[in-house]
Amino acid sequence: MTAPDAQVDSALRDRVVEAMTTVLKRLVEREEPITEDMHMADELGVSSSLGLELLLEVEEQLGIQIDVERMRPDELLTVGELATFIAGHSRPW
């Protein structure tokens, strides 16, 4: 889960989810839909290098900078958890 003090813009979160699922489908070469409750490593096989590529592409697509210093990978296990974190811990370029 994300920090309780993080403010999450629901419209931005929706855009993050859309960008993430699109990028993830390509990165993990998956035809089936990707949902918010899917576990990044266990179900999708996202490695640390793929995770970094995902973050960089989401930043570029949405024109944001993600505060990776505040990331706690052990708390960001699913697509939805990561999307919530990004929406609450990013700022426009």
Protein backbone atom coordinates (compact mmCIF):
# COMPACT_ATOMS: atom_id res chain seq x y z
CA MET A 1 0.00 0.00 0.00
CA THR A 2 1.06 3.57 -0.45
CA ALA A 3 1.75 5.98 2.35
CA PRO A 4 -1.46 7.29 3.92
CA ASP A 5 -0.38 10.91 3.42
CA ALA A 6 -0.08 10.51 -0.34
CA GLN A 7 -2.69 12.46 -2.27
CA VAL A 8 -3.99 10.44 -5.20
CA ASP A 9 -5.60 12.13 -8.18
CA SER A 10 -8.10 9.53 -9.43
CA ALA A 11 -8.00 10.84 -13.02
CA LEU A 12 -4.21 10.60 -13.05
CA ARG A 13 -4.40 7.13 -11.51
CA ASP A 14 -6.76 6.01 -14.29
CA ARG A 15 -4.30 7.34 -16.89
CA VAL A 16 -1.44 5.56 -15.10
CA VAL A 17 -3.33 2.25 -15.10
CA GLU A 18 -4.08 2.60 -18.81
CA ALA A 19 -0.46 3.44 -19.65
CA MET A 20 0.88 0.66 -17.43
CA THR A 21 -1.35 -2.04 -18.86
CA THR A 22 -0.50 -1.02 -22.42
CA VAL A 23 3.25 -1.00 -21.74
CA LEU A 24 3.13 -4.21 -19.70
CA LYS A 25 1.30 -6.11 -22.45
CA ARG A 26 4.15 -5.26 -24.80
CA LEU A 27 6.98 -5.83 -22.31
CA VAL A 28 5.75 -9.25 -21.14
CA GLU A 29 4.39 -10.17 -24.57
CA ARG A 30 0.91 -10.92 -23.26
CA GLU A 31 -2.26 -10.97 -25.35
CA GLU A 32 -4.67 -11.45 -22.43
CA PRO A 33 -5.90 -8.41 -20.49
CA ILE A 34 -3.83 -7.17 -17.57
CA THR A 35 -5.83 -6.23 -14.49
CA GLU A 36 -5.03 -4.11 -11.44
CA ASP A 37 -5.02 -7.07 -9.08
CA MET A 38 -2.33 -8.96 -11.01
CA HIS A 39 0.93 -9.53 -9.16
CA MET A 40 3.76 -7.88 -11.07
CA ALA A 41 6.43 -10.54 -10.47
CA ASP A 42 4.48 -13.73 -9.84
CA GLU A 43 1.77 -13.42 -12.49
CA LEU A 44 3.37 -11.16 -15.07
CA GLY A 45 7.04 -12.09 -14.64
CA VAL A 46 8.19 -8.48 -14.31
CA SER A 47 11.86 -8.39 -13.35
CA SER A 48 13.61 -5.38 -11.87
CA SER A 49 14.91 -4.36 -15.30
CA LEU A 50 11.44 -4.65 -16.86
CA GLY A 51 10.03 -2.71 -13.91
CA LEU A 52 12.49 0.10 -14.55
CA GLU A 53 11.62 0.12 -18.24
CA LEU A 54 7.92 0.25 -17.30
CA LEU A 55 8.46 3.25 -15.01
CA LEU A 56 10.50 5.12 -17.62
CA GLU A 57 7.90 4.55 -20.34
CA VAL A 58 5.01 5.58 -18.07
CA GLU A 59 6.91 8.76 -17.17
CA GLU A 60 7.48 9.54 -20.84
CA GLN A 61 3.92 8.77 -21.95
CA LEU A 62 2.29 10.82 -19.19
CA GLY A 63 4.87 13.61 -18.95
CA ILE A 64 5.51 12.98 -15.26
CA GLN A 65 8.46 12.34 -12.99
CA ILE A 66 7.97 9.55 -10.45
CA ASP A 67 9.53 9.98 -7.01
CA VAL A 68 11.35 6.64 -6.99
CA GLU A 69 13.20 7.55 -3.78
CA ARG A 70 9.97 6.87 -1.86
CA MET A 71 9.29 3.52 -3.52
CA ARG A 72 9.13 0.42 -1.36
CA PRO A 73 9.01 -2.50 -3.79
CA ASP A 74 7.79 -4.87 -1.06
CA GLU A 75 4.65 -2.69 -0.76
CA LEU A 76 4.04 -2.35 -4.51
CA LEU A 77 3.30 -5.89 -5.57
CA THR A 78 0.30 -5.50 -7.88
CA VAL A 79 -0.40 -3.37 -10.92
CA GLY A 80 -2.98 -1.40 -8.93
CA GLU A 81 -0.67 -0.77 -5.97
CA LEU A 82 2.03 0.55 -8.27
CA ALA A 83 -0.49 2.73 -10.14
CA THR A 84 -1.71 4.24 -6.87
CA PHE A 85 1.87 4.92 -5.80
CA ILE A 86 2.73 6.59 -9.10
CA ALA A 87 -0.39 8.76 -9.01
CA GLY A 88 0.42 9.87 -5.46
CA HIS A 89 4.17 10.29 -5.87
CA SER A 90 4.74 11.99 -9.21
CA ARG A 91 4.75 15.48 -10.62
CA PRO A 92 4.56 16.95 -14.11
CA TRP A 93 7.85 17.55 -15.91
